[in-house]
Amino acid sequence: MPFAVLHDPSHSRFEALVEGQLCVADYRRDGDVLVMTHTEVPPGLQGRGIAAALVEAALEHARRHGLRIDPRCSYVRGYMKRHPEAQSLHV
């Protein structure tokens, strides 16, 4: 099932509404750094690549805006380790 990932700067998160359930990757901005603090996908939706899509959207946002990523969230940290192209964004 396709879904759209949106950036909601008013809530400091990237989000997707999937089957009526909100999935999020939260961050806080610290200067030119997005401190990624939490990623959450409801249990019934896990394993569909939703969390990865949220993180990819955050990384692309950082690239476009000249920002770096501080992966405090364990999922984001693991994602960045598995994707060498993301290392240039790591603080």
N, C-alpha and C. Protein backbone atom coordinates (compact mmCIF):
# COMPACT_ATOMS: atom_id res chain seq x y z
N MET A 1 0.85 -1.18 0.00
CA MET A 1 0.00 0.00 0.00
C MET A 1 0.89 1.24 0.00
N PRO A 2 0.72 2.12 -0.98
CA PRO A 2 1.52 3.35 -1.01
C PRO A 2 1.07 4.34 0.08
N PHE A 3 2.00 5.14 0.51
CA PHE A 3 1.69 6.17 1.51
C PHE A 3 2.61 7.35 1.28
N ALA A 4 2.19 8.50 1.73
CA ALA A 4 2.98 9.72 1.58
C ALA A 4 3.63 10.07 2.90
N VAL A 5 4.89 10.47 2.84
CA VAL A 5 5.59 10.97 4.02
C VAL A 5 5.60 12.48 3.91
N LEU A 6 5.13 13.13 4.96
CA LEU A 6 5.06 14.59 5.01
C LEU A 6 5.95 15.12 6.11
N HIS A 7 6.49 16.31 5.91
CA HIS A 7 7.25 16.99 6.94
C HIS A 7 6.29 17.93 7.66
N ASP A 8 6.20 17.79 8.97
CA ASP A 8 5.36 18.66 9.79
C ASP A 8 6.27 19.44 10.74
N PRO A 9 6.83 20.58 10.25
CA PRO A 9 7.76 21.33 11.10
C PRO A 9 7.12 21.89 12.36
N SER A 10 5.81 22.12 12.36
CA SER A 10 5.16 22.65 13.56
C SER A 10 5.18 21.63 14.70
N HIS A 11 5.29 20.34 14.37
CA HIS A 11 5.39 19.30 15.39
C HIS A 11 6.77 18.64 15.39
N SER A 12 7.71 19.18 14.60
CA SER A 12 9.08 18.67 14.52
C SER A 12 9.10 17.17 14.24
N ARG A 13 8.47 16.80 13.13
CA ARG A 13 8.44 15.38 12.78
C ARG A 13 8.17 15.18 11.29
N PHE A 14 8.54 13.99 10.85
CA PHE A 14 8.15 13.48 9.55
C PHE A 14 7.08 12.44 9.85
N GLU A 15 6.02 12.44 9.06
CA GLU A 15 4.90 11.58 9.41
C GLU A 15 4.25 10.96 8.18
N ALA A 16 3.59 9.85 8.42
CA ALA A 16 2.81 9.17 7.39
C ALA A 16 1.56 8.62 8.06
N LEU A 17 0.44 8.80 7.41
CA LEU A 17 -0.81 8.22 7.89
C LEU A 17 -1.06 6.96 7.06
N VAL A 18 -0.99 5.82 7.71
CA VAL A 18 -1.12 4.53 7.03
C VAL A 18 -2.27 3.77 7.68
N GLU A 19 -3.25 3.43 6.88
CA GLU A 19 -4.43 2.71 7.38
C GLU A 19 -5.02 3.41 8.59
N GLY A 20 -5.04 4.72 8.55
CA GLY A 20 -5.63 5.52 9.63
C GLY A 20 -4.76 5.65 10.87
N GLN A 21 -3.53 5.15 10.81
CA GLN A 21 -2.63 5.20 11.97
C GLN A 21 -1.44 6.09 11.67
N LEU A 22 -1.08 6.91 12.64
CA LEU A 22 0.02 7.86 12.48
C LEU A 22 1.36 7.19 12.78
N CYS A 23 2.30 7.34 11.85
CA CYS A 23 3.67 6.86 12.00
C CYS A 23 4.56 8.09 11.97
N VAL A 24 5.55 8.15 12.86
CA VAL A 24 6.34 9.38 12.98
C VAL A 24 7.83 9.13 13.17
N ALA A 25 8.60 10.10 12.73
CA ALA A 25 10.02 10.20 13.05
C ALA A 25 10.20 11.61 13.63
N ASP A 26 10.38 11.70 14.93
CA ASP A 26 10.47 12.98 15.63
C ASP A 26 11.91 13.49 15.64
N TYR A 27 12.03 14.80 15.66
CA TYR A 27 13.35 15.42 15.76
C TYR A 27 13.23 16.72 16.54
N ARG A 28 14.37 17.25 16.91
CA ARG A 28 14.43 18.63 17.39
C ARG A 28 15.56 19.29 16.62
N ARG A 29 15.39 20.54 16.35
CA ARG A 29 16.39 21.27 15.58
C ARG A 29 17.35 21.94 16.54
N ASP A 30 18.65 21.75 16.30
CA ASP A 30 19.69 22.39 17.10
C ASP A 30 20.66 23.03 16.12
N GLY A 31 20.40 24.29 15.77
CA GLY A 31 21.20 24.98 14.76
C GLY A 31 21.03 24.32 13.42
N ASP A 32 22.14 23.84 12.84
CA ASP A 32 22.07 23.18 11.54
C ASP A 32 22.04 21.66 11.67
N VAL A 33 21.55 21.17 12.82
CA VAL A 33 21.48 19.74 13.08
C VAL A 33 20.04 19.33 13.39
N LEU A 34 19.60 18.24 12.74
CA LEU A 34 18.34 17.60 13.12
C LEU A 34 18.70 16.48 14.08
N VAL A 35 18.32 16.65 15.33
CA VAL A 35 18.55 15.62 16.34
C VAL A 35 17.35 14.68 16.26
N MET A 36 17.56 13.51 15.67
CA MET A 36 16.47 12.54 15.49
C MET A 36 16.29 11.78 16.81
N THR A 37 15.13 11.98 17.45
CA THR A 37 14.93 11.50 18.81
C THR A 37 14.08 10.24 18.93
N HIS A 38 13.19 10.01 17.96
CA HIS A 38 12.25 8.89 18.13
C HIS A 38 11.60 8.55 16.79
N THR A 39 11.48 7.27 16.53
CA THR A 39 10.74 6.79 15.37
C THR A 39 9.71 5.79 15.88
N GLU A 40 8.46 5.94 15.42
CA GLU A 40 7.42 5.04 15.90
C GLU A 40 6.47 4.66 14.78
N VAL A 41 6.30 3.36 14.65
CA VAL A 41 5.33 2.78 13.72
C VAL A 41 4.49 1.81 14.56
N PRO A 42 3.15 1.92 14.54
CA PRO A 42 2.32 1.00 15.32
C PRO A 42 2.64 -0.46 14.98
N PRO A 43 2.56 -1.35 15.97
CA PRO A 43 2.95 -2.75 15.78
C PRO A 43 2.32 -3.42 14.56
N GLY A 44 1.07 -3.17 14.29
CA GLY A 44 0.40 -3.82 13.17
C GLY A 44 0.89 -3.38 11.80
N LEU A 45 1.66 -2.30 11.77
CA LEU A 45 2.18 -1.77 10.50
C LEU A 45 3.67 -2.02 10.33
N GLN A 46 4.31 -2.57 11.33
CA GLN A 46 5.76 -2.76 11.27
C GLN A 46 6.13 -3.79 10.20
N GLY A 47 7.33 -3.66 9.67
CA GLY A 47 7.82 -4.59 8.68
C GLY A 47 7.42 -4.24 7.25
N ARG A 48 6.86 -3.06 7.04
CA ARG A 48 6.42 -2.64 5.71
C ARG A 48 7.31 -1.55 5.10
N GLY A 49 8.39 -1.20 5.80
CA GLY A 49 9.28 -0.17 5.28
C GLY A 49 8.85 1.25 5.60
N ILE A 50 7.90 1.40 6.49
CA ILE A 50 7.39 2.74 6.83
C ILE A 50 8.44 3.53 7.59
N ALA A 51 9.06 2.93 8.60
CA ALA A 51 10.09 3.64 9.37
C ALA A 51 11.24 4.05 8.46
N ALA A 52 11.63 3.17 7.56
CA ALA A 52 12.72 3.50 6.62
C ALA A 52 12.33 4.68 5.75
N ALA A 53 11.09 4.71 5.29
CA ALA A 53 10.63 5.83 4.46
C ALA A 53 10.64 7.15 5.24
N LEU A 54 10.27 7.09 6.51
CA LEU A 54 10.30 8.29 7.35
C LEU A 54 11.73 8.81 7.49
N VAL A 55 12.66 7.90 7.75
CA VAL A 55 14.06 8.28 7.92
C VAL A 55 14.63 8.80 6.60
N GLU A 56 14.31 8.13 5.49
CA GLU A 56 14.78 8.59 4.18
C GLU A 56 14.30 10.02 3.91
N ALA A 57 13.06 10.32 4.27
CA ALA A 57 12.53 11.67 4.07
C ALA A 57 13.31 12.68 4.92
N ALA A 58 13.63 12.31 6.15
CA ALA A 58 14.41 13.20 7.02
C ALA A 58 15.81 13.43 6.46
N LEU A 59 16.44 12.37 5.96
CA LEU A 59 17.78 12.50 5.39
C LEU A 59 17.75 13.37 4.13
N GLU A 60 16.75 13.18 3.30
CA GLU A 60 16.65 13.99 2.09
C GLU A 60 16.40 15.46 2.44
N HIS A 61 15.58 15.70 3.44
CA HIS A 61 15.35 17.07 3.91
C HIS A 61 16.67 17.69 4.38
N ALA A 62 17.44 16.93 5.13
CA ALA A 62 18.73 17.43 5.62
C ALA A 62 19.66 17.75 4.45
N ARG A 63 19.72 16.88 3.46
CA ARG A 63 20.57 17.13 2.29
C ARG A 63 20.16 18.42 1.57
N ARG A 64 18.88 18.58 1.32
CA ARG A 64 18.37 19.75 0.59
C ARG A 64 18.64 21.06 1.32
N HIS A 65 18.66 21.00 2.64
CA HIS A 65 18.77 22.23 3.43
C HIS A 65 20.13 22.40 4.10
N GLY A 66 21.10 21.58 3.73
CA GLY A 66 22.45 21.71 4.28
C GLY A 66 22.53 21.43 5.77
N LEU A 67 21.72 20.47 6.24
CA LEU A 67 21.69 20.13 7.65
C LEU A 67 22.46 18.82 7.89
N ARG A 68 22.78 18.57 9.13
CA ARG A 68 23.41 17.31 9.55
C ARG A 68 22.41 16.55 10.42
N ILE A 69 22.69 15.28 10.66
CA ILE A 69 21.81 14.42 11.46
C ILE A 69 22.56 13.92 12.69
N ASP A 70 21.93 14.07 13.85
CA ASP A 70 22.42 13.47 15.09
C ASP A 70 21.43 12.36 15.44
N PRO A 71 21.78 11.09 15.16
CA PRO A 71 20.82 9.99 15.33
C PRO A 71 20.73 9.49 16.76
N ARG A 72 19.97 10.16 17.58
CA ARG A 72 19.78 9.71 18.97
C ARG A 72 18.83 8.52 19.04
N CYS A 73 17.94 8.40 18.07
CA CYS A 73 17.00 7.28 17.99
C CYS A 73 17.77 6.04 17.50
N SER A 74 17.59 4.91 18.16
CA SER A 74 18.32 3.70 17.78
C SER A 74 17.98 3.25 16.36
N TYR A 75 16.74 3.43 15.94
CA TYR A 75 16.38 3.03 14.57
C TYR A 75 17.12 3.88 13.55
N VAL A 76 17.13 5.19 13.76
CA VAL A 76 17.83 6.09 12.83
C VAL A 76 19.32 5.78 12.81
N ARG A 77 19.90 5.54 13.99
CA ARG A 77 21.32 5.20 14.08
C ARG A 77 21.62 3.93 13.27
N GLY A 78 20.80 2.91 13.44
CA GLY A 78 20.98 1.66 12.70
C GLY A 78 20.79 1.85 11.20
N TYR A 79 19.81 2.64 10.83
CA TYR A 79 19.56 2.90 9.42
C TYR A 79 20.78 3.56 8.78
N MET A 80 21.32 4.55 9.47
CA MET A 80 22.47 5.27 8.93
C MET A 80 23.70 4.37 8.84
N LYS A 81 23.85 3.43 9.75
CA LYS A 81 24.98 2.49 9.68
C LYS A 81 24.84 1.56 8.49
N ARG A 82 23.59 1.16 8.19
CA ARG A 82 23.34 0.24 7.08
C ARG A 82 23.40 0.92 5.71
N HIS A 83 23.35 2.25 5.68
CA HIS A 83 23.32 2.99 4.42
C HIS A 83 24.52 3.94 4.37
N PRO A 84 25.62 3.51 3.79
CA PRO A 84 26.84 4.33 3.76
C PRO A 84 26.64 5.71 3.17
N GLU A 85 25.70 5.86 2.24
CA GLU A 85 25.45 7.17 1.64
C GLU A 85 24.93 8.19 2.66
N ALA A 86 24.46 7.72 3.81
CA ALA A 86 23.95 8.61 4.85
C ALA A 86 25.07 9.11 5.77
N GLN A 87 26.24 8.49 5.72
CA GLN A 87 27.32 8.85 6.65
C GLN A 87 27.76 10.29 6.53
N SER A 88 27.67 10.87 5.36
CA SER A 88 28.10 12.26 5.18
C SER A 88 27.21 13.23 5.95
N LEU A 89 26.04 12.79 6.37
CA LEU A 89 25.12 13.66 7.12
C LEU A 89 25.33 13.54 8.62
N HIS A 90 26.02 12.51 9.07
CA HIS A 90 26.20 12.24 10.50
C HIS A 90 27.09 13.30 11.13
N VAL A 91 26.68 13.78 12.31
CA VAL A 91 27.53 14.75 13.04
C VAL A 91 28.67 14.03 13.72
